[in-house]
C-alpha atoms as a PDB file:
ATOM      1  CA  MET A   1     -13.370  38.518 -55.748  1.00  0.00           C
ATOM      2  CA  HIS A   2     -14.358  35.767 -58.171  1.00  0.00           C
ATOM      3  CA  ILE A   3     -16.418  32.852 -56.826  1.00  0.00           C
ATOM      4  CA  LEU A   4     -17.363  29.637 -58.586  1.00  0.00           C
ATOM      5  CA  ILE A   5     -20.476  27.893 -57.241  1.00  0.00           C
ATOM      6  CA  CYS A   6     -20.643  24.183 -58.057  1.00  0.00           C
ATOM      7  CA  ASP A   7     -24.131  22.814 -57.376  1.00  0.00           C
ATOM      8  CA  ASP A   8     -26.408  20.638 -59.507  1.00  0.00           C
ATOM      9  CA  GLN A   9     -29.476  22.378 -58.058  1.00  0.00           C
ATOM     10  CA  ASN A  10     -29.739  25.272 -60.499  1.00  0.00           C
ATOM     11  CA  ILE A  11     -32.320  27.171 -58.448  1.00  0.00           C
ATOM     12  CA  ILE A  12     -30.090  27.107 -55.365  1.00  0.00           C
ATOM     13  CA  ALA A  13     -26.976  28.078 -57.305  1.00  0.00           C
ATOM     14  CA  GLU A  14     -28.667  30.944 -59.116  1.00  0.00           C
ATOM     15  CA  GLY A  15     -30.279  32.195 -55.908  1.00  0.00           C
ATOM     16  CA  LEU A  16     -26.958  32.240 -54.097  1.00  0.00           C
ATOM     17  CA  LYS A  17     -25.310  33.849 -57.118  1.00  0.00           C
ATOM     18  CA  LEU A  18     -27.872  36.660 -57.035  1.00  0.00           C
ATOM     19  CA  ILE A  19     -27.291  37.308 -53.325  1.00  0.00           C
ATOM     20  CA  LEU A  20     -23.499  37.273 -53.581  1.00  0.00           C
ATOM     21  CA  GLU A  21     -23.487  39.561 -56.622  1.00  0.00           C
ATOM     22  CA  SER A  22     -26.141  42.027 -55.488  1.00  0.00           C
ATOM     23  CA  GLN A  23     -25.350  42.281 -51.771  1.00  0.00           C
ATOM     24  CA  TYR A  24     -21.598  41.677 -51.671  1.00  0.00           C
ATOM     25  CA  ASN A  25     -20.410  42.695 -55.152  1.00  0.00           C
ATOM     26  CA  PHE A  26     -18.731  39.373 -55.876  1.00  0.00           C
ATOM     27  CA  GLU A  27     -18.188  38.104 -59.402  1.00  0.00           C
ATOM     28  CA  VAL A  28     -19.911  34.712 -59.531  1.00  0.00           C
ATOM     29  CA  THR A  29     -20.028  31.881 -62.068  1.00  0.00           C
ATOM     30  CA  THR A  30     -21.729  28.501 -61.685  1.00  0.00           C
ATOM     31  CA  ALA A  31     -21.172  24.861 -62.616  1.00  0.00           C
ATOM     32  CA  SER A  32     -23.651  21.982 -62.465  1.00  0.00           C
ATOM     33  CA  ASP A  33     -21.212  19.118 -61.788  1.00  0.00           C
ATOM     34  CA  GLY A  34     -17.642  18.525 -60.691  1.00  0.00           C
ATOM     35  CA  SER A  35     -16.155  17.980 -64.123  1.00  0.00           C
ATOM     36  CA  VAL A  36     -17.573  21.274 -65.355  1.00  0.00           C
ATOM     37  CA  ALA A  37     -16.246  22.950 -62.203  1.00  0.00           C
ATOM     38  CA  VAL A  38     -12.701  21.747 -62.951  1.00  0.00           C
ATOM     39  CA  ASP A  39     -12.963  23.167 -66.472  1.00  0.00           C
ATOM     40  CA  ARG A  40     -14.350  26.469 -65.153  1.00  0.00           C
ATOM     41  CA  VAL A  41     -11.504  26.780 -62.658  1.00  0.00           C
ATOM     42  CA  ALA A  42      -9.018  26.271 -65.484  1.00  0.00           C
ATOM     43  CA  GLU A  43     -10.747  28.963 -67.530  1.00  0.00           C
ATOM     44  CA  ALA A  44     -11.555  31.591 -64.921  1.00  0.00           C
ATOM     45  CA  GLN A  45      -9.062  30.963 -62.061  1.00  0.00           C
ATOM     46  CA  PRO A  46     -11.554  31.962 -59.341  1.00  0.00           C
ATOM     47  CA  ASP A  47     -10.411  32.903 -55.867  1.00  0.00           C
ATOM     48  CA  ILE A  48     -12.661  30.299 -54.249  1.00  0.00           C
ATOM     49  CA  VAL A  49     -15.002  27.457 -55.194  1.00  0.00           C
ATOM     50  CA  LEU A  50     -18.183  26.762 -53.206  1.00  0.00           C
ATOM     51  CA  MET A  51     -18.447  23.024 -53.741  1.00  0.00           C
ATOM     52  CA  ASP A  52     -21.466  20.795 -53.185  1.00  0.00           C
ATOM     53  CA  LEU A  53     -20.739  17.106 -52.721  1.00  0.00           C
ATOM     54  CA  LYS A  54     -23.355  14.799 -54.212  1.00  0.00           C
ATOM     55  CA  MET A  55     -23.449  15.594 -57.922  1.00  0.00           C
ATOM     56  CA  PRO A  56     -23.667  13.739 -61.227  1.00  0.00           C
ATOM     57  CA  ILE A  57     -20.684  12.832 -63.460  1.00  0.00           C
ATOM     58  CA  MET A  58     -18.033  13.870 -60.896  1.00  0.00           C
ATOM     59  CA  ASN A  59     -18.910  14.312 -57.232  1.00  0.00           C
ATOM     60  CA  GLY A  60     -17.581  17.102 -55.053  1.00  0.00           C
ATOM     61  CA  ILE A  61     -14.930  14.983 -53.338  1.00  0.00           C
ATOM     62  CA  LYS A  62     -13.223  14.020 -56.589  1.00  0.00           C
ATOM     63  CA  ALA A  63     -13.661  17.510 -58.014  1.00  0.00           C
ATOM     64  CA  THR A  64     -12.105  19.064 -54.910  1.00  0.00           C
ATOM     65  CA  ALA A  65      -9.126  16.710 -55.035  1.00  0.00           C
ATOM     66  CA  THR A  66      -8.622  17.451 -58.751  1.00  0.00           C
ATOM     67  CA  ILE A  67      -8.863  21.213 -58.279  1.00  0.00           C
ATOM     68  CA  LYS A  68      -6.483  21.236 -55.317  1.00  0.00           C
ATOM     69  CA  GLN A  69      -3.974  19.089 -57.225  1.00  0.00           C
ATOM     70  CA  ARG A  70      -4.088  21.153 -60.410  1.00  0.00           C
ATOM     71  CA  PHE A  71      -4.739  24.598 -58.907  1.00  0.00           C
ATOM     72  CA  PRO A  72      -3.391  24.553 -55.316  1.00  0.00           C
ATOM     73  CA  ASP A  73      -3.863  28.300 -54.839  1.00  0.00           C
ATOM     74  CA  VAL A  74      -7.626  28.106 -55.458  1.00  0.00           C
ATOM     75  CA  LYS A  75      -9.577  27.714 -52.212  1.00  0.00           C
ATOM     76  CA  VAL A  76     -12.365  25.125 -52.050  1.00  0.00           C
ATOM     77  CA  LEU A  77     -15.062  25.623 -49.414  1.00  0.00           C
ATOM     78  CA  ILE A  78     -17.537  22.746 -49.164  1.00  0.00           C
ATOM     79  CA  LEU A  79     -21.131  24.020 -49.011  1.00  0.00           C
ATOM     80  CA  THR A  80     -23.545  21.115 -48.744  1.00  0.00           C
ATOM     81  CA  THR A  81     -26.557  19.624 -47.001  1.00  0.00           C
ATOM     82  CA  TYR A  82     -24.550  16.525 -46.060  1.00  0.00           C
ATOM     83  CA  GLY A  83     -23.167  16.536 -42.540  1.00  0.00           C
ATOM     84  CA  ASP A  84     -22.361  12.797 -42.402  1.00  0.00           C
ATOM     85  CA  ASP A  85     -18.965  11.823 -41.025  1.00  0.00           C
ATOM     86  CA  GLU A  86     -18.018   9.956 -44.196  1.00  0.00           C
ATOM     87  CA  TRP A  87     -18.528  13.024 -46.377  1.00  0.00           C
ATOM     88  CA  LEU A  88     -16.734  15.280 -43.895  1.00  0.00           C
ATOM     89  CA  PHE A  89     -13.586  13.189 -43.602  1.00  0.00           C
ATOM     90  CA  ASP A  90     -13.468  12.484 -47.331  1.00  0.00           C
ATOM     91  CA  ALA A  91     -13.681  16.240 -47.938  1.00  0.00           C
ATOM     92  CA  ILE A  92     -10.807  16.910 -45.528  1.00  0.00           C
ATOM     93  CA  ARG A  93      -8.695  14.215 -47.168  1.00  0.00           C
ATOM     94  CA  SER A  94      -9.437  15.674 -50.604  1.00  0.00           C
ATOM     95  CA  GLY A  95      -7.858  18.967 -49.532  1.00  0.00           C
ATOM     96  CA  ALA A  96     -10.963  21.085 -48.876  1.00  0.00           C
ATOM     97  CA  ASP A  97     -10.266  24.380 -47.108  1.00  0.00           C
ATOM     98  CA  GLY A  98     -13.472  24.287 -45.060  1.00  0.00           C
ATOM     99  CA  TYR A  99     -16.839  22.577 -44.624  1.00  0.00           C
ATOM    100  CA  LEU A 100     -20.159  24.403 -44.178  1.00  0.00           C
ATOM    101  CA  LEU A 101     -23.800  23.369 -44.319  1.00  0.00           C
ATOM    102  CA  LYS A 102     -26.231  25.155 -46.617  1.00  0.00           C
ATOM    103  CA  ASP A 103     -28.425  26.431 -43.819  1.00  0.00           C
ATOM    104  CA  ILE A 104     -25.678  28.817 -42.713  1.00  0.00           C
ATOM    105  CA  PRO A 105     -26.939  32.449 -42.592  1.00  0.00           C
ATOM    106  CA  HIS A 106     -25.873  34.475 -45.616  1.00  0.00           C
ATOM    107  CA  GLU A 107     -23.885  36.945 -43.515  1.00  0.00           C
ATOM    108  CA  GLU A 108     -21.926  34.097 -41.923  1.00  0.00           C
ATOM    109  CA  LEU A 109     -21.285  32.557 -45.339  1.00  0.00           C
ATOM    110  CA  PHE A 110     -20.009  35.907 -46.599  1.00  0.00           C
ATOM    111  CA  LYS A 111     -17.582  36.137 -43.666  1.00  0.00           C
ATOM    112  CA  ALA A 112     -16.458  32.535 -44.177  1.00  0.00           C
ATOM    113  CA  ILE A 113     -15.773  33.145 -47.875  1.00  0.00           C
ATOM    114  CA  ARG A 114     -13.639  36.200 -47.127  1.00  0.00           C
ATOM    115  CA  SER A 115     -11.821  34.428 -44.311  1.00  0.00           C
ATOM    116  CA  THR A 116     -11.175  31.262 -46.347  1.00  0.00           C
ATOM    117  CA  VAL A 117      -9.658  33.258 -49.190  1.00  0.00           C
ATOM    118  CA  ALA A 118      -7.431  34.902 -46.564  1.00  0.00           C
ATOM    119  CA  GLY A 119      -6.152  31.460 -45.555  1.00  0.00           C
ATOM    120  CA  ASN A 120      -8.353  30.479 -42.604  1.00  0.00           C
ATOM    121  CA  THR A 121     -10.366  27.288 -42.144  1.00  0.00           C
ATOM    122  CA  HIS A 122     -14.070  27.059 -41.275  1.00  0.00           C
ATOM    123  CA  ILE A 123     -15.894  23.951 -40.078  1.00  0.00           C
ATOM    124  CA  ASP A 124     -19.646  24.191 -39.485  1.00  0.00           C
ATOM    125  CA  PRO A 125     -20.353  23.902 -35.731  1.00  0.00           C
ATOM    126  CA  LYS A 126     -23.006  21.268 -36.463  1.00  0.00           C
ATOM    127  CA  VAL A 127     -20.382  18.862 -37.789  1.00  0.00           C
ATOM    128  CA  ALA A 128     -17.325  19.988 -35.809  1.00  0.00           C
ATOM    129  CA  ARG A 129     -18.390  18.223 -32.610  1.00  0.00           C
ATOM    130  CA  ARG A 130     -18.929  14.950 -34.462  1.00  0.00           C
ATOM    131  CA  MET A 131     -15.561  15.372 -36.141  1.00  0.00           C
ATOM    132  CA  PHE A 132     -13.841  15.559 -32.743  1.00  0.00           C
ATOM    133  CA  ASP A 133     -15.899  12.663 -31.372  1.00  0.00           C
ATOM    134  CA  GLN A 134     -15.143  10.498 -34.403  1.00  0.00           C
ATOM    135  CA  VAL A 135     -11.421  11.124 -34.224  1.00  0.00           C
ATOM    136  CA  ALA A 136     -11.406  10.478 -30.473  1.00  0.00           C
ATOM    137  CA  ARG A 137     -12.778   6.974 -31.143  1.00  0.00           C
ATOM    138  CA  ARG A 138      -9.989   6.160 -33.596  1.00  0.00           C
ATOM    139  CA  THR A 139      -6.261   5.634 -33.120  1.00  0.00           C
ATOM    140  CA  PRO A 140      -4.580   6.804 -36.342  1.00  0.00           C
ATOM    141  CA  ILE A 141      -0.804   6.544 -36.592  1.00  0.00           C
ATOM    142  CA  PRO A 142       0.968   9.910 -36.238  1.00  0.00           C
ATOM    143  CA  ASN A 143       2.867  11.055 -39.306  1.00  0.00           C
ATOM    144  CA  SER A 144       6.615  10.628 -38.699  1.00  0.00           C
ATOM    145  CA  LYS A 145       7.629  13.571 -40.900  1.00  0.00           C
ATOM    146  CA  LEU A 146       5.302  15.855 -38.994  1.00  0.00           C
ATOM    147  CA  LEU A 147       6.562  14.525 -35.679  1.00  0.00           C
ATOM    148  CA  SER A 148      10.181  15.154 -36.657  1.00  0.00           C
ATOM    149  CA  LYS A 149       9.510  18.902 -36.990  1.00  0.00           C
ATOM    150  CA  LEU A 150       8.195  19.278 -33.449  1.00  0.00           C
ATOM    151  CA  ASN A 151       9.810  19.062 -30.035  1.00  0.00           C
ATOM    152  CA  ASP A 152       8.094  17.267 -27.148  1.00  0.00           C
ATOM    153  CA  ARG A 153       6.446  20.412 -25.763  1.00  0.00           C
ATOM    154  CA  GLU A 154       5.081  21.412 -29.172  1.00  0.00           C
ATOM    155  CA  ILE A 155       3.648  17.916 -29.663  1.00  0.00           C
ATOM    156  CA  GLU A 156       1.981  18.167 -26.258  1.00  0.00           C
ATOM    157  CA  ILE A 157       0.458  21.527 -27.146  1.00  0.00           C
ATOM    158  CA  LEU A 158      -0.688  20.288 -30.570  1.00  0.00           C
ATOM    159  CA  ARG A 159      -2.485  17.400 -28.878  1.00  0.00           C
ATOM    160  CA  LEU A 160      -4.332  19.834 -26.623  1.00  0.00           C
ATOM    161  CA  ILE A 161      -5.203  22.189 -29.497  1.00  0.00           C
ATOM    162  CA  SER A 162      -6.521  19.192 -31.439  1.00  0.00           C
ATOM    163  CA  ARG A 163      -8.796  18.369 -28.508  1.00  0.00           C
ATOM    164  CA  GLY A 164     -10.224  21.903 -28.477  1.00  0.00           C
ATOM    165  CA  TYR A 165      -8.315  23.360 -25.494  1.00  0.00           C
ATOM    166  CA  THR A 166      -8.064  27.152 -25.208  1.00  0.00           C
ATOM    167  CA  ASN A 167      -4.762  28.848 -24.395  1.00  0.00           C
ATOM    168  CA  GLY A 168      -5.874  29.243 -20.786  1.00  0.00           C
ATOM    169  CA  GLU A 169      -6.757  25.561 -20.509  1.00  0.00           C
ATOM    170  CA  ILE A 170      -3.429  24.566 -22.070  1.00  0.00           C
ATOM    171  CA  SER A 171      -1.625  26.844 -19.609  1.00  0.00           C
ATOM    172  CA  ALA A 172      -3.367  25.217 -16.648  1.00  0.00           C
ATOM    173  CA  THR A 173      -2.822  21.692 -17.979  1.00  0.00           C
ATOM    174  CA  ILE A 174       0.917  21.906 -18.648  1.00  0.00           C
ATOM    175  CA  HIS A 175       1.692  24.499 -15.948  1.00  0.00           C
ATOM    176  CA  LEU A 176       3.096  27.251 -18.139  1.00  0.00           C
ATOM    177  CA  SER A 177       2.093  30.912 -18.351  1.00  0.00           C
ATOM    178  CA  GLU A 178      -0.321  31.894 -21.117  1.00  0.00           C
ATOM    179  CA  GLY A 179       2.394  34.082 -22.629  1.00  0.00           C
ATOM    180  CA  THR A 180       4.743  31.117 -22.874  1.00  0.00           C
ATOM    181  CA  VAL A 181       1.951  29.005 -24.361  1.00  0.00           C
ATOM    182  CA  ARG A 182       1.326  31.687 -26.995  1.00  0.00           C
ATOM    183  CA  ASN A 183       5.022  31.674 -27.885  1.00  0.00           C
ATOM    184  CA  TYR A 184       4.994  27.900 -28.276  1.00  0.00           C
ATOM    185  CA  ILE A 185       1.856  28.090 -30.430  1.00  0.00           C
ATOM    186  CA  SER A 186       3.424  30.732 -32.700  1.00  0.00           C
ATOM    187  CA  ALA A 187       6.448  28.492 -33.212  1.00  0.00           C
ATOM    188  CA  LEU A 188       4.157  25.510 -33.776  1.00  0.00           C
ATOM    189  CA  PHE A 189       2.157  27.348 -36.454  1.00  0.00           C
ATOM    190  CA  ALA A 190       5.365  28.322 -38.237  1.00  0.00           C
ATOM    191  CA  LYS A 191       6.666  24.737 -38.282  1.00  0.00           C
ATOM    192  CA  LEU A 192       3.317  23.392 -39.536  1.00  0.00           C
ATOM    193  CA  ASP A 193       2.909  26.267 -42.044  1.00  0.00           C
ATOM    194  CA  VAL A 194      -0.585  27.124 -40.766  1.00  0.00           C
ATOM    195  CA  SER A 195      -2.090  30.486 -39.878  1.00  0.00           C
ATOM    196  CA  ASP A 196      -4.608  29.647 -37.147  1.00  0.00           C
ATOM    197  CA  ARG A 197      -5.468  27.049 -34.507  1.00  0.00           C
ATOM    198  CA  THR A 198      -8.292  25.551 -36.574  1.00  0.00           C
ATOM    199  CA  GLN A 199      -5.820  24.566 -39.292  1.00  0.00           C
ATOM    200  CA  ALA A 200      -3.432  23.239 -36.638  1.00  0.00           C
ATOM    201  CA  ALA A 201      -6.245  21.254 -35.018  1.00  0.00           C
ATOM    202  CA  LEU A 202      -7.216  19.725 -38.361  1.00  0.00           C
ATOM    203  CA  LEU A 203      -3.624  18.606 -38.924  1.00  0.00           C
ATOM    204  CA  GLY A 204      -3.567  17.179 -35.423  1.00  0.00           C
ATOM    205  CA  LEU A 205      -6.804  15.328 -36.042  1.00  0.00           C
ATOM    206  CA  ARG A 206      -5.588  13.934 -39.345  1.00  0.00           C
ATOM    207  CA  TYR A 207      -2.386  12.567 -37.843  1.00  0.00           C
ATOM    208  CA  GLY A 208      -3.703  11.204 -34.565  1.00  0.00           C
ATOM    209  CA  PHE A 209      -2.655  13.913 -32.131  1.00  0.00           C
ATOM    210  CA  ALA A 210      -6.103  14.049 -30.521  1.00  0.00           C
ATOM    211  CA  ASP A 211      -5.824  10.540 -29.076  1.00  0.00           C
ATOM    212  CA  ILE A 212      -6.903  10.993 -25.452  1.00  0.00           C
ATOM    213  CA  SER A 213      -4.624   8.220 -24.214  1.00  0.00           C
ATOM    214  CA  ASP A 214      -1.573  10.205 -25.326  1.00  0.00           C
ATOM    215  CA  VAL A 215      -2.327  13.289 -23.224  1.00  0.00           C
END
């Protein structure tokens, strides 16, 4: 697996590079700013980019958006010290495939890298709660194209997934068996073209399906 680390702190980037190469046998290259990262992606076509956010010349938000537009198959996992809501939501809007803080244990980072390349989404627990709280305070307008794909029951289940409900909690809330709920969720994932409930929840959050008043 080829990883590109984009971080203007050379000591941090080189230290992480050493760990990933020596302990996990990854091929790792580095970039010191977003514009260089875009060029490196074009040259090397890495499987995943570990992207910091606050950098000179081109910050991580713009670099992520550029990479995802030009190279949609390349995964971008934000790895930063910034847990502020503004950075988090800008990263999601830019197309980032996940958002982790730099104090994550190396073993957890390794798992997240593998999982992100496989198509899953990881949000650091330290920012995930604020993400839900922030969305709950807003009333974004649901996307009509997304709505048109879903029937009323699937919309109801997406709202509950977006609010963090487990399958058991969804079953109790809408009075269906857990097996039936699982069937609905499988159909929902297929219509949304997502592979797990985290990705579905992020879509729900983006398009206003976590609004408490609608449940």
